[in-house]
Amino acid sequence: YALSRKFHLLVIDGTHNKELIDMTNKLG
């Protein structure tokens, strides 16, 4: 599960878009 969660976070961070990262992580 920890690695699955990390996979999602890496994809989110890979956008290089702070607003999108913050918005997605807040709901996530």
PDB file of all heavy atoms in Angstrom:
ATOM      1  N   TYR A   1       0.831  -1.198   0.000  1.00  0.00           N
ATOM      2  CA  TYR A   1       0.000   0.000   0.000  1.00  0.00           C
ATOM      3  C   TYR A   1       0.869   1.253   0.000  1.00  0.00           C
ATOM      4  O   TYR A   1       0.579   2.220  -0.727  1.00  0.00           O
ATOM      5  CB  TYR A   1      -0.945   0.064   1.209  1.00  0.00           C
ATOM      6  CG  TYR A   1      -1.626   1.401   1.238  1.00  0.00           C
ATOM      7  CD1 TYR A   1      -2.637   1.691   0.331  1.00  0.00           C
ATOM      8  CD2 TYR A   1      -1.168   2.415   2.083  1.00  0.00           C
ATOM      9  CE1 TYR A   1      -3.204   2.948   0.278  1.00  0.00           C
ATOM     10  CE2 TYR A   1      -1.737   3.676   2.030  1.00  0.00           C
ATOM     11  CZ  TYR A   1      -2.754   3.942   1.127  1.00  0.00           C
ATOM     12  OH  TYR A   1      -3.296   5.196   1.060  1.00  0.00           O
ATOM     13  N   ALA A   2       1.934   1.266   0.816  1.00  0.00           N
ATOM     14  CA  ALA A   2       2.809   2.436   0.891  1.00  0.00           C
ATOM     15  C   ALA A   2       3.411   2.748  -0.479  1.00  0.00           C
ATOM     16  O   ALA A   2       3.491   3.913  -0.886  1.00  0.00           O
ATOM     17  CB  ALA A   2       3.912   2.202   1.918  1.00  0.00           C
ATOM     18  N   LEU A   3       3.805   1.704  -1.190  1.00  0.00           N
ATOM     19  CA  LEU A   3       4.391   1.899  -2.523  1.00  0.00           C
ATOM     20  C   LEU A   3       3.329   2.334  -3.533  1.00  0.00           C
ATOM     21  O   LEU A   3       3.609   3.141  -4.427  1.00  0.00           O
ATOM     22  CB  LEU A   3       5.070   0.607  -2.982  1.00  0.00           C
ATOM     23  CG  LEU A   3       6.352   0.248  -2.224  1.00  0.00           C
ATOM     24  CD1 LEU A   3       6.737  -1.210  -2.473  1.00  0.00           C
ATOM     25  CD2 LEU A   3       7.496   1.172  -2.632  1.00  0.00           C
ATOM     26  N   SER A   4       2.131   1.793  -3.385  1.00  0.00           N
ATOM     27  CA  SER A   4       1.029   2.201  -4.260  1.00  0.00           C
ATOM     28  C   SER A   4       0.728   3.679  -4.081  1.00  0.00           C
ATOM     29  O   SER A   4       0.523   4.423  -5.049  1.00  0.00           O
ATOM     30  CB  SER A   4      -0.216   1.363  -3.955  1.00  0.00           C
ATOM     31  OG  SER A   4      -1.319   1.776  -4.736  1.00  0.00           O
ATOM     32  N   ARG A   5       0.712   4.106  -2.835  1.00  0.00           N
ATOM     33  CA  ARG A   5       0.486   5.521  -2.528  1.00  0.00           C
ATOM     34  C   ARG A   5       1.623   6.377  -3.100  1.00  0.00           C
ATOM     35  O   ARG A   5       1.385   7.452  -3.665  1.00  0.00           O
ATOM     36  CB  ARG A   5       0.392   5.695  -1.009  1.00  0.00           C
ATOM     37  CG  ARG A   5       0.336   7.131  -0.511  1.00  0.00           C
ATOM     38  CD  ARG A   5      -0.973   7.783  -0.826  1.00  0.00           C
ATOM     39  NE  ARG A   5      -1.056   9.117  -0.264  1.00  0.00           N
ATOM     40  CZ  ARG A   5      -1.706  10.121  -0.825  1.00  0.00           C
ATOM     41  NH1 ARG A   5      -2.336   9.955  -1.971  1.00  0.00           N
ATOM     42  NH2 ARG A   5      -1.740  11.311  -0.250  1.00  0.00           N
ATOM     43  N   LYS A   6       2.847   5.895  -2.973  1.00  0.00           N
ATOM     44  CA  LYS A   6       4.000   6.632  -3.494  1.00  0.00           C
ATOM     45  C   LYS A   6       3.921   6.774  -5.012  1.00  0.00           C
ATOM     46  O   LYS A   6       4.280   7.814  -5.574  1.00  0.00           O
ATOM     47  CB  LYS A   6       5.304   5.914  -3.097  1.00  0.00           C
ATOM     48  CG  LYS A   6       6.563   6.689  -3.455  1.00  0.00           C
ATOM     49  CD  LYS A   6       7.800   5.992  -2.918  1.00  0.00           C
ATOM     50  CE  LYS A   6       9.064   6.787  -3.230  1.00  0.00           C
ATOM     51  NZ  LYS A   6      10.279   6.128  -2.692  1.00  0.00           N
ATOM     52  N   PHE A   7       3.426   5.733  -5.685  1.00  0.00           N
ATOM     53  CA  PHE A   7       3.266   5.774  -7.138  1.00  0.00           C
ATOM     54  C   PHE A   7       2.356   6.941  -7.520  1.00  0.00           C
ATOM     55  O   PHE A   7       2.668   7.729  -8.426  1.00  0.00           O
ATOM     56  CB  PHE A   7       2.677   4.448  -7.622  1.00  0.00           C
ATOM     57  CG  PHE A   7       2.526   4.337  -9.113  1.00  0.00           C
ATOM     58  CD1 PHE A   7       3.525   3.766  -9.884  1.00  0.00           C
ATOM     59  CD2 PHE A   7       1.367   4.789  -9.753  1.00  0.00           C
ATOM     60  CE1 PHE A   7       3.389   3.644 -11.259  1.00  0.00           C
ATOM     61  CE2 PHE A   7       1.224   4.673 -11.130  1.00  0.00           C
ATOM     62  CZ  PHE A   7       2.230   4.111 -11.880  1.00  0.00           C
ATOM     63  N   HIS A   8       1.238   7.062  -6.827  1.00  0.00           N
ATOM     64  CA  HIS A   8       0.308   8.162  -7.100  1.00  0.00           C
ATOM     65  C   HIS A   8       0.973   9.514  -6.866  1.00  0.00           C
ATOM     66  O   HIS A   8       0.834  10.429  -7.691  1.00  0.00           O
ATOM     67  CB  HIS A   8      -0.922   8.035  -6.200  1.00  0.00           C
ATOM     68  CG  HIS A   8      -1.928   7.036  -6.667  1.00  0.00           C
ATOM     69  ND1 HIS A   8      -3.207   7.376  -7.027  1.00  0.00           N
ATOM     70  CD2 HIS A   8      -1.834   5.701  -6.839  1.00  0.00           C
ATOM     71  CE1 HIS A   8      -3.867   6.291  -7.398  1.00  0.00           C
ATOM     72  NE2 HIS A   8      -3.057   5.256  -7.278  1.00  0.00           N
ATOM     73  N   LEU A   9       1.687   9.640  -5.760  1.00  0.00           N
ATOM     74  CA  LEU A   9       2.324  10.919  -5.428  1.00  0.00           C
ATOM     75  C   LEU A   9       3.387  11.307  -6.447  1.00  0.00           C
ATOM     76  O   LEU A   9       3.545  12.491  -6.767  1.00  0.00           O
ATOM     77  CB  LEU A   9       2.933  10.849  -4.025  1.00  0.00           C
ATOM     78  CG  LEU A   9       1.927  10.715  -2.872  1.00  0.00           C
ATOM     79  CD1 LEU A   9       2.658  10.540  -1.542  1.00  0.00           C
ATOM     80  CD2 LEU A   9       0.994  11.912  -2.814  1.00  0.00           C
ATOM     81  N   LEU A  10       4.107  10.319  -6.960  1.00  0.00           N
ATOM     82  CA  LEU A  10       5.124  10.599  -7.977  1.00  0.00           C
ATOM     83  C   LEU A  10       4.499  11.114  -9.264  1.00  0.00           C
ATOM     84  O   LEU A  10       5.036  12.027  -9.911  1.00  0.00           O
ATOM     85  CB  LEU A  10       5.951   9.339  -8.257  1.00  0.00           C
ATOM     86  CG  LEU A  10       6.948   8.925  -7.173  1.00  0.00           C
ATOM     87  CD1 LEU A  10       7.537   7.543  -7.489  1.00  0.00           C
ATOM     88  CD2 LEU A  10       8.079   9.950  -7.048  1.00  0.00           C
ATOM     89  N   VAL A  11       3.371  10.522  -9.636  1.00  0.00           N
ATOM     90  CA  VAL A  11       2.678  10.996 -10.839  1.00  0.00           C
ATOM     91  C   VAL A  11       2.167  12.418 -10.623  1.00  0.00           C
ATOM     92  O   VAL A  11       2.271  13.267 -11.513  1.00  0.00           O
ATOM     93  CB  VAL A  11       1.518  10.052 -11.219  1.00  0.00           C
ATOM     94  CG1 VAL A  11       0.714  10.643 -12.388  1.00  0.00           C
ATOM     95  CG2 VAL A  11       2.041   8.672 -11.589  1.00  0.00           C
ATOM     96  N   ILE A  12       1.638  12.681  -9.446  1.00  0.00           N
ATOM     97  CA  ILE A  12       1.142  14.027  -9.141  1.00  0.00           C
ATOM     98  C   ILE A  12       2.292  15.039  -9.175  1.00  0.00           C
ATOM     99  O   ILE A  12       2.183  16.104  -9.797  1.00  0.00           O
ATOM    100  CB  ILE A  12       0.453  14.043  -7.758  1.00  0.00           C
ATOM    101  CG1 ILE A  12      -0.825  13.187  -7.797  1.00  0.00           C
ATOM    102  CG2 ILE A  12       0.115  15.476  -7.327  1.00  0.00           C
ATOM    103  CD1 ILE A  12      -1.415  12.892  -6.429  1.00  0.00           C
ATOM    104  N   ASP A  13       3.405  14.708  -8.523  1.00  0.00           N
ATOM    105  CA  ASP A  13       4.556  15.625  -8.501  1.00  0.00           C
ATOM    106  C   ASP A  13       5.155  15.814  -9.891  1.00  0.00           C
ATOM    107  O   ASP A  13       5.743  16.868 -10.184  1.00  0.00           O
ATOM    108  CB  ASP A  13       5.634  15.093  -7.551  1.00  0.00           C
ATOM    109  CG  ASP A  13       5.248  15.249  -6.084  1.00  0.00           C
ATOM    110  OD1 ASP A  13       4.323  16.025  -5.797  1.00  0.00           O
ATOM    111  OD2 ASP A  13       5.864  14.574  -5.235  1.00  0.00           O
ATOM    112  N   GLY A  14       5.007  14.799 -10.744  1.00  0.00           N
ATOM    113  CA  GLY A  14       5.580  14.854 -12.093  1.00  0.00           C
ATOM    114  C   GLY A  14       4.938  15.883 -12.995  1.00  0.00           C
ATOM    115  O   GLY A  14       5.433  16.162 -14.086  1.00  0.00           O
ATOM    116  N   THR A  15       3.825  16.478 -12.541  1.00  0.00           N
ATOM    117  CA  THR A  15       3.166  17.519 -13.343  1.00  0.00           C
ATOM    118  C   THR A  15       3.952  18.821 -13.347  1.00  0.00           C
ATOM    119  O   THR A  15       3.805  19.643 -14.244  1.00  0.00           O
ATOM    120  CB  THR A  15       1.759  17.824 -12.795  1.00  0.00           C
ATOM    121  OG1 THR A  15       1.872  18.386 -11.472  1.00  0.00           O
ATOM    122  CG2 THR A  15       0.914  16.565 -12.733  1.00  0.00           C
ATOM    123  N   HIS A  16       4.758  19.019 -12.284  1.00  0.00           N
ATOM    124  CA  HIS A  16       5.513  20.265 -12.120  1.00  0.00           C
ATOM    125  C   HIS A  16       4.573  21.472 -12.141  1.00  0.00           C
ATOM    126  O   HIS A  16       4.902  22.535 -12.676  1.00  0.00           O
ATOM    127  CB  HIS A  16       6.598  20.402 -13.192  1.00  0.00           C
ATOM    128  CG  HIS A  16       7.644  19.337 -13.111  1.00  0.00           C
ATOM    129  ND1 HIS A  16       8.753  19.432 -12.308  1.00  0.00           N
ATOM    130  CD2 HIS A  16       7.717  18.117 -13.717  1.00  0.00           C
ATOM    131  CE1 HIS A  16       9.487  18.327 -12.427  1.00  0.00           C
ATOM    132  NE2 HIS A  16       8.870  17.508 -13.276  1.00  0.00           N
ATOM    133  N   ASN A  17       3.388  21.282 -11.558  1.00  0.00           N
ATOM    134  CA  ASN A  17       2.389  22.350 -11.487  1.00  0.00           C
ATOM    135  C   ASN A  17       1.939  22.445 -10.041  1.00  0.00           C
ATOM    136  O   ASN A  17       1.161  21.614  -9.564  1.00  0.00           O
ATOM    137  CB  ASN A  17       1.205  22.009 -12.410  1.00  0.00           C
ATOM    138  CG  ASN A  17       0.136  23.090 -12.426  1.00  0.00           C
ATOM    139  OD1 ASN A  17      -0.267  23.594 -11.390  1.00  0.00           O
ATOM    140  ND2 ASN A  17      -0.337  23.436 -13.615  1.00  0.00           N
ATOM    141  N   LYS A  18       2.426  23.445  -9.327  1.00  0.00           N
ATOM    142  CA  LYS A  18       2.188  23.547  -7.883  1.00  0.00           C
ATOM    143  C   LYS A  18       0.700  23.621  -7.540  1.00  0.00           C
ATOM    144  O   LYS A  18       0.246  22.979  -6.585  1.00  0.00           O
ATOM    145  CB  LYS A  18       2.901  24.772  -7.314  1.00  0.00           C
ATOM    146  CG  LYS A  18       2.784  24.888  -5.787  1.00  0.00           C
ATOM    147  CD  LYS A  18       3.504  26.095  -5.260  1.00  0.00           C
ATOM    148  CE  LYS A  18       3.454  26.144  -3.736  1.00  0.00           C
ATOM    149  NZ  LYS A  18       2.063  26.123  -3.202  1.00  0.00           N
ATOM    150  N   GLU A  19      -0.068  24.401  -8.301  1.00  0.00           N
ATOM    151  CA  GLU A  19      -1.490  24.538  -8.008  1.00  0.00           C
ATOM    152  C   GLU A  19      -2.210  23.200  -8.154  1.00  0.00           C
ATOM    153  O   GLU A  19      -3.040  22.825  -7.312  1.00  0.00           O
ATOM    154  CB  GLU A  19      -2.138  25.580  -8.936  1.00  0.00           C
ATOM    155  CG  GLU A  19      -1.821  27.020  -8.591  1.00  0.00           C
ATOM    156  CD  GLU A  19      -0.364  27.393  -8.867  1.00  0.00           C
ATOM    157  OE1 GLU A  19       0.252  26.729  -9.733  1.00  0.00           O
ATOM    158  OE2 GLU A  19       0.141  28.330  -8.229  1.00  0.00           O
ATOM    159  N   LEU A  20      -1.885  22.464  -9.206  1.00  0.00           N
ATOM    160  CA  LEU A  20      -2.502  21.164  -9.438  1.00  0.00           C
ATOM    161  C   LEU A  20      -2.067  20.162  -8.365  1.00  0.00           C
ATOM    162  O   LEU A  20      -2.885  19.372  -7.870  1.00  0.00           O
ATOM    163  CB  LEU A  20      -2.132  20.643 -10.823  1.00  0.00           C
ATOM    164  CG  LEU A  20      -2.699  19.280 -11.234  1.00  0.00           C
ATOM    165  CD1 LEU A  20      -4.216  19.271 -11.165  1.00  0.00           C
ATOM    166  CD2 LEU A  20      -2.216  18.909 -12.634  1.00  0.00           C
ATOM    167  N   ILE A  21      -0.806  20.205  -7.993  1.00  0.00           N
ATOM    168  CA  ILE A  21      -0.278  19.311  -6.949  1.00  0.00           C
ATOM    169  C   ILE A  21      -0.991  19.558  -5.628  1.00  0.00           C
ATOM    170  O   ILE A  21      -1.442  18.624  -4.966  1.00  0.00           O
ATOM    171  CB  ILE A  21       1.249  19.492  -6.795  1.00  0.00           C
ATOM    172  CG1 ILE A  21       1.969  18.983  -8.034  1.00  0.00           C
ATOM    173  CG2 ILE A  21       1.760  18.761  -5.547  1.00  0.00           C
ATOM    174  CD1 ILE A  21       3.442  19.357  -8.096  1.00  0.00           C
ATOM    175  N   ASP A  22      -1.095  20.832  -5.238  1.00  0.00           N
ATOM    176  CA  ASP A  22      -1.731  21.173  -3.964  1.00  0.00           C
ATOM    177  C   ASP A  22      -3.204  20.757  -3.951  1.00  0.00           C
ATOM    178  O   ASP A  22      -3.693  20.204  -2.955  1.00  0.00           O
ATOM    179  CB  ASP A  22      -1.620  22.677  -3.700  1.00  0.00           C
ATOM    180  CG  ASP A  22      -0.193  23.119  -3.395  1.00  0.00           C
ATOM    181  OD1 ASP A  22       0.652  22.236  -3.125  1.00  0.00           O
ATOM    182  OD2 ASP A  22       0.078  24.335  -3.435  1.00  0.00           O
ATOM    183  N   MET A  23      -3.909  21.025  -5.032  1.00  0.00           N
ATOM    184  CA  MET A  23      -5.328  20.708  -5.127  1.00  0.00           C
ATOM    185  C   MET A  23      -5.558  19.190  -5.051  1.00  0.00           C
ATOM    186  O   MET A  23      -6.438  18.711  -4.334  1.00  0.00           O
ATOM    187  CB  MET A  23      -5.893  21.250  -6.443  1.00  0.00           C
ATOM    188  CG  MET A  23      -7.409  21.151  -6.571  1.00  0.00           C
ATOM    189  SD  MET A  23      -7.961  21.698  -8.221  1.00  0.00           S
ATOM    190  CE  MET A  23      -7.186  23.309  -8.308  1.00  0.00           C
ATOM    191  N   THR A  24      -4.753  18.436  -5.791  1.00  0.00           N
ATOM    192  CA  THR A  24      -4.914  16.982  -5.835  1.00  0.00           C
ATOM    193  C   THR A  24      -4.551  16.353  -4.501  1.00  0.00           C
ATOM    194  O   THR A  24      -5.255  15.454  -4.009  1.00  0.00           O
ATOM    195  CB  THR A  24      -4.044  16.382  -6.956  1.00  0.00           C
ATOM    196  OG1 THR A  24      -4.319  17.050  -8.186  1.00  0.00           O
ATOM    197  CG2 THR A  24      -4.335  14.894  -7.123  1.00  0.00           C
ATOM    198  N   ASN A  25      -3.479  16.813  -3.888  1.00  0.00           N
ATOM    199  CA  ASN A  25      -3.061  16.250  -2.599  1.00  0.00           C
ATOM    200  C   ASN A  25      -4.031  16.586  -1.476  1.00  0.00           C
ATOM    201  O   ASN A  25      -4.210  15.796  -0.541  1.00  0.00           O
ATOM    202  CB  ASN A  25      -1.658  16.732  -2.241  1.00  0.00           C
ATOM    203  CG  ASN A  25      -0.582  16.004  -3.027  1.00  0.00           C
ATOM    204  OD1 ASN A  25      -0.798  14.890  -3.496  1.00  0.00           O
ATOM    205  ND2 ASN A  25       0.573  16.627  -3.165  1.00  0.00           N
ATOM    206  N   LYS A  26      -4.668  17.744  -1.560  1.00  0.00           N
ATOM    207  CA  LYS A  26      -5.630  18.132  -0.521  1.00  0.00           C
ATOM    208  C   LYS A  26      -6.808  17.163  -0.496  1.00  0.00           C
ATOM    209  O   LYS A  26      -7.214  16.679   0.568  1.00  0.00           O
ATOM    210  CB  LYS A  26      -6.120  19.560  -0.760  1.00  0.00           C
ATOM    211  CG  LYS A  26      -7.077  20.054   0.317  1.00  0.00           C
ATOM    212  CD  LYS A  26      -7.482  21.503   0.069  1.00  0.00           C
ATOM    213  CE  LYS A  26      -8.428  21.995   1.160  1.00  0.00           C
ATOM    214  NZ  LYS A  26      -8.833  23.413   0.942  1.00  0.00           N
ATOM    215  N   LEU A  27      -7.349  16.850  -1.661  1.00  0.00           N
ATOM    216  CA  LEU A  27      -8.449  15.892  -1.724  1.00  0.00           C
ATOM    217  C   LEU A  27      -7.937  14.483  -1.474  1.00  0.00           C
ATOM    218  O   LEU A  27      -8.577  13.687  -0.783  1.00  0.00           O
ATOM    219  CB  LEU A  27      -9.147  15.957  -3.086  1.00  0.00           C
ATOM    220  CG  LEU A  27     -10.296  14.972  -3.303  1.00  0.00           C
ATOM    221  CD1 LEU A  27     -11.363  15.112  -2.215  1.00  0.00           C
ATOM    222  CD2 LEU A  27     -10.915  15.181  -4.684  1.00  0.00           C
ATOM    223  N   GLY A  28      -6.758  14.184  -2.005  1.00  0.00           N
ATOM    224  CA  GLY A  28      -6.187  12.844  -1.842  1.00  0.00           C
ATOM    225  C   GLY A  28      -5.975  12.466  -0.396  1.00  0.00           C
ATOM    226  O   GLY A  28      -6.165  11.299  -0.013  1.00  0.00           O
TER     227      GLY A  28
END
